[in-house]
């Protein structure tokens, strides 16, 4: 099964227990300094921090998706940043770009005013308190977002294959099913999954979209239905 979605997601066939975290509004105090150079193709919390910072300016990073995966759209955003600050546009975060980003974060700066940024909400909602409650043939997934959002759950009995693609920000999730959206924009969320196999481990992830159209995903994690 192949499902097109409106934004980009990480490339991973691993189950990662932690949830991506970042702010729903541009706020320099919440930016996290990078711990080292960041390369194309990398999946890490460093990439998450990089994307969160770049997404504070829609002219630097127009797609504004924070996925933890350094694909072609993130490369383009890094090149835009490098161009704005007179750094060679190599598309990776090397020592010079790393020093510039960390220096800006340390000074309490953001990118809203750089290169014609709009200063609008370009960051996605934070998803936290993710949990699951299982029965023999079903499960209920619950989570909280830091701003009202419409959400859904992706789930599969095998690991997801998730890819960032080029172009306008279309992405692809290969494998799995998804629930319908929550009924409204809300902070406290839960969605039920039915017709599951008993005694089976399932991979799942949450997608939440705020009123500005910014989308966030959790890292895939798992639950096991009861016997």
C-alpha atoms as a PDB file:
ATOM      1  CA  UNK A   1       0.000   0.000   0.000  1.00  0.00           C
ATOM      2  CA  UNK A   2       1.371   3.426  -0.903  1.00  0.00           C
ATOM      3  CA  UNK A   3      -0.083   6.552   0.716  1.00  0.00           C
ATOM      4  CA  UNK A   4       0.765  10.065  -0.459  1.00  0.00           C
ATOM      5  CA  UNK A   5       0.871  12.679   2.279  1.00  0.00           C
ATOM      6  CA  UNK A   6       1.217  16.466   2.269  1.00  0.00           C
ATOM      7  CA  UNK A   7       4.630  16.688   3.846  1.00  0.00           C
ATOM      8  CA  UNK A   8       7.920  14.954   4.321  1.00  0.00           C
ATOM      9  CA  UNK A   9       8.730  12.151   6.706  1.00  0.00           C
ATOM     10  CA  UNK A  10      11.889  10.473   7.886  1.00  0.00           C
ATOM     11  CA  UNK A  11      13.540   7.516   6.167  1.00  0.00           C
ATOM     12  CA  UNK A  12      13.578   4.683   8.670  1.00  0.00           C
ATOM     13  CA  UNK A  13      12.959   0.968   8.995  1.00  0.00           C
ATOM     14  CA  UNK A  14      13.890   1.095  12.674  1.00  0.00           C
ATOM     15  CA  UNK A  15      11.591   1.470  15.631  1.00  0.00           C
ATOM     16  CA  UNK A  16      12.582   4.614  17.534  1.00  0.00           C
ATOM     17  CA  UNK A  17      11.029   5.081  20.931  1.00  0.00           C
ATOM     18  CA  UNK A  18      11.402   8.822  21.331  1.00  0.00           C
ATOM     19  CA  UNK A  19       9.037  11.482  19.974  1.00  0.00           C
ATOM     20  CA  UNK A  20      10.161  14.438  17.890  1.00  0.00           C
ATOM     21  CA  UNK A  21       9.805  17.610  19.928  1.00  0.00           C
ATOM     22  CA  UNK A  22       9.815  21.221  18.821  1.00  0.00           C
ATOM     23  CA  UNK A  23       7.808  24.390  19.281  1.00  0.00           C
ATOM     24  CA  UNK A  24       4.521  25.253  17.612  1.00  0.00           C
ATOM     25  CA  UNK A  25       5.457  28.952  17.506  1.00  0.00           C
ATOM     26  CA  UNK A  26       8.706  30.667  16.590  1.00  0.00           C
ATOM     27  CA  UNK A  27      10.569  31.153  19.852  1.00  0.00           C
ATOM     28  CA  UNK A  28      14.355  31.453  19.913  1.00  0.00           C
ATOM     29  CA  UNK A  29      14.579  30.239  23.493  1.00  0.00           C
ATOM     30  CA  UNK A  30      13.418  26.772  22.413  1.00  0.00           C
ATOM     31  CA  UNK A  31      16.049  26.233  19.686  1.00  0.00           C
ATOM     32  CA  UNK A  32      18.643  23.583  20.499  1.00  0.00           C
ATOM     33  CA  UNK A  33      22.273  23.953  19.477  1.00  0.00           C
ATOM     34  CA  UNK A  34      23.684  21.310  17.153  1.00  0.00           C
ATOM     35  CA  UNK A  35      26.217  18.916  18.653  1.00  0.00           C
ATOM     36  CA  UNK A  36      28.220  18.355  15.459  1.00  0.00           C
ATOM     37  CA  UNK A  37      28.266  18.508  11.679  1.00  0.00           C
ATOM     38  CA  UNK A  38      25.124  17.257   9.930  1.00  0.00           C
ATOM     39  CA  UNK A  39      25.220  15.385   6.637  1.00  0.00           C
ATOM     40  CA  UNK A  40      22.757  14.605   3.854  1.00  0.00           C
ATOM     41  CA  UNK A  41      21.028  11.270   4.438  1.00  0.00           C
ATOM     42  CA  UNK A  42      21.392  11.479   8.215  1.00  0.00           C
ATOM     43  CA  UNK A  43      18.540  10.683  10.606  1.00  0.00           C
ATOM     44  CA  UNK A  44      19.088  12.126  14.078  1.00  0.00           C
ATOM     45  CA  UNK A  45      17.952  14.567  16.745  1.00  0.00           C
ATOM     46  CA  UNK A  46      20.606  16.915  15.357  1.00  0.00           C
ATOM     47  CA  UNK A  47      18.649  17.030  12.094  1.00  0.00           C
ATOM     48  CA  UNK A  48      15.469  17.734  14.065  1.00  0.00           C
ATOM     49  CA  UNK A  49      17.182  20.685  15.781  1.00  0.00           C
ATOM     50  CA  UNK A  50      18.509  21.952  12.460  1.00  0.00           C
ATOM     51  CA  UNK A  51      15.124  21.773  10.738  1.00  0.00           C
ATOM     52  CA  UNK A  52      13.362  23.434  13.666  1.00  0.00           C
ATOM     53  CA  UNK A  53      15.735  26.378  13.488  1.00  0.00           C
ATOM     54  CA  UNK A  54      15.600  26.723   9.689  1.00  0.00           C
ATOM     55  CA  UNK A  55      11.786  26.480   9.733  1.00  0.00           C
ATOM     56  CA  UNK A  56      11.549  29.730  11.687  1.00  0.00           C
ATOM     57  CA  UNK A  57      11.930  31.482   8.318  1.00  0.00           C
ATOM     58  CA  UNK A  58       9.663  30.380   5.483  1.00  0.00           C
ATOM     59  CA  UNK A  59      11.934  31.886   2.824  1.00  0.00           C
ATOM     60  CA  UNK A  60      14.862  29.807   4.121  1.00  0.00           C
ATOM     61  CA  UNK A  61      12.854  26.603   4.556  1.00  0.00           C
ATOM     62  CA  UNK A  62       9.468  27.052   2.808  1.00  0.00           C
ATOM     63  CA  UNK A  63       8.251  23.501   3.452  1.00  0.00           C
ATOM     64  CA  UNK A  64       8.969  23.904   7.189  1.00  0.00           C
ATOM     65  CA  UNK A  65       8.704  20.198   7.949  1.00  0.00           C
ATOM     66  CA  UNK A  66      10.593  18.811  10.940  1.00  0.00           C
ATOM     67  CA  UNK A  67      11.161  15.117  10.376  1.00  0.00           C
ATOM     68  CA  UNK A  68      14.602  14.215  11.712  1.00  0.00           C
ATOM     69  CA  UNK A  69      15.689  13.098   8.226  1.00  0.00           C
ATOM     70  CA  UNK A  70      18.153  15.148   6.127  1.00  0.00           C
ATOM     71  CA  UNK A  71      16.743  14.780   2.617  1.00  0.00           C
ATOM     72  CA  UNK A  72      16.807  17.016  -0.479  1.00  0.00           C
ATOM     73  CA  UNK A  73      14.432  19.656   0.902  1.00  0.00           C
ATOM     74  CA  UNK A  74      16.544  20.069   4.026  1.00  0.00           C
ATOM     75  CA  UNK A  75      19.631  20.306   1.806  1.00  0.00           C
ATOM     76  CA  UNK A  76      17.960  23.117  -0.146  1.00  0.00           C
ATOM     77  CA  UNK A  77      17.092  24.930   3.109  1.00  0.00           C
ATOM     78  CA  UNK A  78      20.695  24.636   4.319  1.00  0.00           C
ATOM     79  CA  UNK A  79      21.887  26.085   1.004  1.00  0.00           C
ATOM     80  CA  UNK A  80      19.433  28.989   1.408  1.00  0.00           C
ATOM     81  CA  UNK A  81      20.824  29.604   4.900  1.00  0.00           C
ATOM     82  CA  UNK A  82      24.392  29.466   3.626  1.00  0.00           C
ATOM     83  CA  UNK A  83      23.569  31.921   0.846  1.00  0.00           C
ATOM     84  CA  UNK A  84      21.920  34.325   3.308  1.00  0.00           C
ATOM     85  CA  UNK A  85      25.051  34.370   5.506  1.00  0.00           C
ATOM     86  CA  UNK A  86      27.714  34.336   2.799  1.00  0.00           C
ATOM     87  CA  UNK A  87      28.781  30.724   3.325  1.00  0.00           C
ATOM     88  CA  UNK A  88      29.658  28.396   0.436  1.00  0.00           C
ATOM     89  CA  UNK A  89      26.453  26.609  -0.599  1.00  0.00           C
ATOM     90  CA  UNK A  90      27.560  23.031  -0.084  1.00  0.00           C
ATOM     91  CA  UNK A  91      24.186  21.846   1.255  1.00  0.00           C
ATOM     92  CA  UNK A  92      25.573  20.141   4.369  1.00  0.00           C
ATOM     93  CA  UNK A  93      26.242  21.548   7.833  1.00  0.00           C
ATOM     94  CA  UNK A  94      30.025  21.636   7.974  1.00  0.00           C
ATOM     95  CA  UNK A  95      32.163  23.404  10.598  1.00  0.00           C
ATOM     96  CA  UNK A  96      31.529  26.942   9.289  1.00  0.00           C
ATOM     97  CA  UNK A  97      27.760  26.521   9.000  1.00  0.00           C
ATOM     98  CA  UNK A  98      27.652  24.725  12.359  1.00  0.00           C
ATOM     99  CA  UNK A  99      29.455  27.616  14.053  1.00  0.00           C
ATOM    100  CA  UNK A 100      27.105  30.167  12.479  1.00  0.00           C
ATOM    101  CA  UNK A 101      23.932  28.308  13.468  1.00  0.00           C
ATOM    102  CA  UNK A 102      25.085  27.653  17.020  1.00  0.00           C
ATOM    103  CA  UNK A 103      26.265  31.249  17.360  1.00  0.00           C
ATOM    104  CA  UNK A 104      22.846  32.554  16.323  1.00  0.00           C
ATOM    105  CA  UNK A 105      21.076  30.192  18.717  1.00  0.00           C
ATOM    106  CA  UNK A 106      23.424  31.094  21.580  1.00  0.00           C
ATOM    107  CA  UNK A 107      22.698  34.792  21.005  1.00  0.00           C
ATOM    108  CA  UNK A 108      18.947  34.157  21.232  1.00  0.00           C
ATOM    109  CA  UNK A 109      18.385  34.855  17.535  1.00  0.00           C
ATOM    110  CA  UNK A 110      15.933  33.285  15.145  1.00  0.00           C
ATOM    111  CA  UNK A 111      15.624  33.555  11.366  1.00  0.00           C
ATOM    112  CA  UNK A 112      12.328  35.444  11.165  1.00  0.00           C
ATOM    113  CA  UNK A 113      13.898  38.667   9.886  1.00  0.00           C
ATOM    114  CA  UNK A 114      16.463  37.047   7.573  1.00  0.00           C
ATOM    115  CA  UNK A 115      15.977  37.148   3.808  1.00  0.00           C
ATOM    116  CA  UNK A 116      12.393  38.403   3.932  1.00  0.00           C
ATOM    117  CA  UNK A 117      10.971  35.923   6.400  1.00  0.00           C
ATOM    118  CA  UNK A 118       7.282  36.330   7.170  1.00  0.00           C
ATOM    119  CA  UNK A 119       7.403  35.815  10.945  1.00  0.00           C
ATOM    120  CA  UNK A 120       4.264  33.659  10.715  1.00  0.00           C
ATOM    121  CA  UNK A 121       3.700  30.292  12.385  1.00  0.00           C
ATOM    122  CA  UNK A 122       5.880  27.963  10.305  1.00  0.00           C
ATOM    123  CA  UNK A 123       6.479  25.281  12.959  1.00  0.00           C
ATOM    124  CA  UNK A 124       4.342  22.236  13.536  1.00  0.00           C
ATOM    125  CA  UNK A 125       2.611  21.235  16.778  1.00  0.00           C
ATOM    126  CA  UNK A 126       4.579  19.443  19.498  1.00  0.00           C
ATOM    127  CA  UNK A 127       3.325  15.919  20.174  1.00  0.00           C
ATOM    128  CA  UNK A 128       3.897  14.461  23.644  1.00  0.00           C
ATOM    129  CA  UNK A 129       2.466  12.028  26.216  1.00  0.00           C
ATOM    130  CA  UNK A 130       2.078   9.401  23.484  1.00  0.00           C
ATOM    131  CA  UNK A 131       0.677   6.123  24.822  1.00  0.00           C
ATOM    132  CA  UNK A 132      -1.311   3.078  23.741  1.00  0.00           C
ATOM    133  CA  UNK A 133      -3.890   0.889  25.498  1.00  0.00           C
ATOM    134  CA  UNK A 134      -4.432  -2.514  23.877  1.00  0.00           C
ATOM    135  CA  UNK A 135      -7.070  -5.239  23.835  1.00  0.00           C
ATOM    136  CA  UNK A 136      -7.059  -8.585  22.020  1.00  0.00           C
ATOM    137  CA  UNK A 137      -8.081  -7.187  18.642  1.00  0.00           C
ATOM    138  CA  UNK A 138      -7.742  -3.456  19.065  1.00  0.00           C
ATOM    139  CA  UNK A 139      -5.855  -0.543  20.564  1.00  0.00           C
ATOM    140  CA  UNK A 140      -6.435   3.068  21.528  1.00  0.00           C
ATOM    141  CA  UNK A 141      -3.604   5.523  20.876  1.00  0.00           C
ATOM    142  CA  UNK A 142      -3.567   8.726  22.961  1.00  0.00           C
ATOM    143  CA  UNK A 143      -1.408  11.848  22.844  1.00  0.00           C
ATOM    144  CA  UNK A 144      -1.411  15.588  23.535  1.00  0.00           C
ATOM    145  CA  UNK A 145      -0.422  18.473  21.247  1.00  0.00           C
ATOM    146  CA  UNK A 146       0.721  21.882  22.484  1.00  0.00           C
ATOM    147  CA  UNK A 147      -1.715  23.629  20.122  1.00  0.00           C
ATOM    148  CA  UNK A 148      -5.024  22.572  18.573  1.00  0.00           C
ATOM    149  CA  UNK A 149      -4.408  20.123  15.742  1.00  0.00           C
ATOM    150  CA  UNK A 150      -6.183  17.557  13.598  1.00  0.00           C
ATOM    151  CA  UNK A 151      -4.501  14.169  13.792  1.00  0.00           C
ATOM    152  CA  UNK A 152      -4.454  10.583  12.595  1.00  0.00           C
ATOM    153  CA  UNK A 153      -2.526   7.383  13.347  1.00  0.00           C
ATOM    154  CA  UNK A 154      -0.517   5.241  10.924  1.00  0.00           C
ATOM    155  CA  UNK A 155      -0.049   1.591  11.941  1.00  0.00           C
ATOM    156  CA  UNK A 156       1.401  -1.604  10.504  1.00  0.00           C
ATOM    157  CA  UNK A 157       2.436  -5.116  11.545  1.00  0.00           C
ATOM    158  CA  UNK A 158       5.790  -4.507   9.828  1.00  0.00           C
ATOM    159  CA  UNK A 159       8.196  -1.541   9.937  1.00  0.00           C
ATOM    160  CA  UNK A 160       7.274   1.524   7.903  1.00  0.00           C
ATOM    161  CA  UNK A 161       9.377   2.608   4.959  1.00  0.00           C
ATOM    162  CA  UNK A 162       9.254   6.399   5.022  1.00  0.00           C
ATOM    163  CA  UNK A 163      10.838   8.645   2.452  1.00  0.00           C
ATOM    164  CA  UNK A 164      11.431  12.322   1.883  1.00  0.00           C
ATOM    165  CA  UNK A 165      11.068  13.212  -1.779  1.00  0.00           C
ATOM    166  CA  UNK A 166      12.045  16.174  -3.892  1.00  0.00           C
ATOM    167  CA  UNK A 167       9.840  18.942  -5.216  1.00  0.00           C
ATOM    168  CA  UNK A 168       6.909  20.540  -3.453  1.00  0.00           C
ATOM    169  CA  UNK A 169       7.072  18.501  -0.279  1.00  0.00           C
ATOM    170  CA  UNK A 170       5.084  15.417  -1.244  1.00  0.00           C
ATOM    171  CA  UNK A 171       6.188  12.434   0.767  1.00  0.00           C
ATOM    172  CA  UNK A 172       5.427   8.731   0.790  1.00  0.00           C
ATOM    173  CA  UNK A 173       4.699   6.185   3.499  1.00  0.00           C
ATOM    174  CA  UNK A 174       5.043   2.636   2.169  1.00  0.00           C
ATOM    175  CA  UNK A 175       3.130  -0.019   4.071  1.00  0.00           C
ATOM    176  CA  UNK A 176       0.525   0.135   6.795  1.00  0.00           C
ATOM    177  CA  UNK A 177      -2.924   1.644   7.274  1.00  0.00           C
ATOM    178  CA  UNK A 178      -4.173   4.876   8.798  1.00  0.00           C
ATOM    179  CA  UNK A 179      -7.149   5.941  10.854  1.00  0.00           C
ATOM    180  CA  UNK A 180      -9.542   8.715   9.986  1.00  0.00           C
ATOM    181  CA  UNK A 181      -8.821  12.213  11.279  1.00  0.00           C
ATOM    182  CA  UNK A 182      -9.815  13.320  14.740  1.00  0.00           C
ATOM    183  CA  UNK A 183     -13.186  15.035  14.600  1.00  0.00           C
ATOM    184  CA  UNK A 184     -11.853  18.542  15.254  1.00  0.00           C
ATOM    185  CA  UNK A 185      -8.778  20.674  15.969  1.00  0.00           C
ATOM    186  CA  UNK A 186      -7.944  19.718  19.546  1.00  0.00           C
ATOM    187  CA  UNK A 187      -5.119  19.324  22.062  1.00  0.00           C
ATOM    188  CA  UNK A 188      -6.134  16.068  23.758  1.00  0.00           C
ATOM    189  CA  UNK A 189      -6.367  13.253  21.262  1.00  0.00           C
ATOM    190  CA  UNK A 190      -7.166   9.559  21.078  1.00  0.00           C
ATOM    191  CA  UNK A 191      -7.989   7.298  18.162  1.00  0.00           C
ATOM    192  CA  UNK A 192      -9.070   3.653  18.201  1.00  0.00           C
ATOM    193  CA  UNK A 193      -7.653   0.908  15.991  1.00  0.00           C
ATOM    194  CA  UNK A 194      -9.778  -2.170  15.315  1.00  0.00           C
ATOM    195  CA  UNK A 195      -9.598  -5.540  13.535  1.00  0.00           C
ATOM    196  CA  UNK A 196      -6.046  -6.175  14.753  1.00  0.00           C
ATOM    197  CA  UNK A 197      -4.477  -9.611  15.177  1.00  0.00           C
ATOM    198  CA  UNK A 198      -4.161 -10.843  18.753  1.00  0.00           C
ATOM    199  CA  UNK A 199      -0.723 -11.247  20.313  1.00  0.00           C
ATOM    200  CA  UNK A 200       0.884  -9.199  17.550  1.00  0.00           C
ATOM    201  CA  UNK A 201       3.362  -6.340  17.685  1.00  0.00           C
ATOM    202  CA  UNK A 202       2.300  -3.284  15.664  1.00  0.00           C
ATOM    203  CA  UNK A 203       4.335  -0.251  14.638  1.00  0.00           C
ATOM    204  CA  UNK A 204       2.546   3.079  14.863  1.00  0.00           C
ATOM    205  CA  UNK A 205       3.130   6.807  14.448  1.00  0.00           C
ATOM    206  CA  UNK A 206       0.986   9.919  14.848  1.00  0.00           C
ATOM    207  CA  UNK A 207       0.536  12.741  12.350  1.00  0.00           C
ATOM    208  CA  UNK A 208      -0.787  16.103  13.614  1.00  0.00           C
ATOM    209  CA  UNK A 209      -1.563  19.196  11.516  1.00  0.00           C
ATOM    210  CA  UNK A 210      -2.161  22.660  12.989  1.00  0.00           C
ATOM    211  CA  UNK A 211      -4.405  25.446  11.662  1.00  0.00           C
ATOM    212  CA  UNK A 212      -1.543  26.894   9.588  1.00  0.00           C
ATOM    213  CA  UNK A 213      -1.051  23.564   7.812  1.00  0.00           C
ATOM    214  CA  UNK A 214       2.218  22.660   9.586  1.00  0.00           C
ATOM    215  CA  UNK A 215       2.575  18.905  10.021  1.00  0.00           C
ATOM    216  CA  UNK A 216       4.423  16.889  12.667  1.00  0.00           C
ATOM    217  CA  UNK A 217       5.090  13.171  13.039  1.00  0.00           C
ATOM    218  CA  UNK A 218       6.206  11.062  15.968  1.00  0.00           C
ATOM    219  CA  UNK A 219       8.998   8.549  15.549  1.00  0.00           C
ATOM    220  CA  UNK A 220       7.540   5.089  14.855  1.00  0.00           C
ATOM    221  CA  UNK A 221       7.096   3.079  18.040  1.00  0.00           C
ATOM    222  CA  UNK A 222       5.249  -0.150  18.935  1.00  0.00           C
ATOM    223  CA  UNK A 223       2.515  -1.795  20.958  1.00  0.00           C
ATOM    224  CA  UNK A 224       1.557  -5.486  21.248  1.00  0.00           C
ATOM    225  CA  UNK A 225      -2.067  -6.639  21.310  1.00  0.00           C
ATOM    226  CA  UNK A 226      -3.224  -8.996  24.029  1.00  0.00           C
ATOM    227  CA  UNK A 227      -3.536 -12.780  23.570  1.00  0.00           C
END
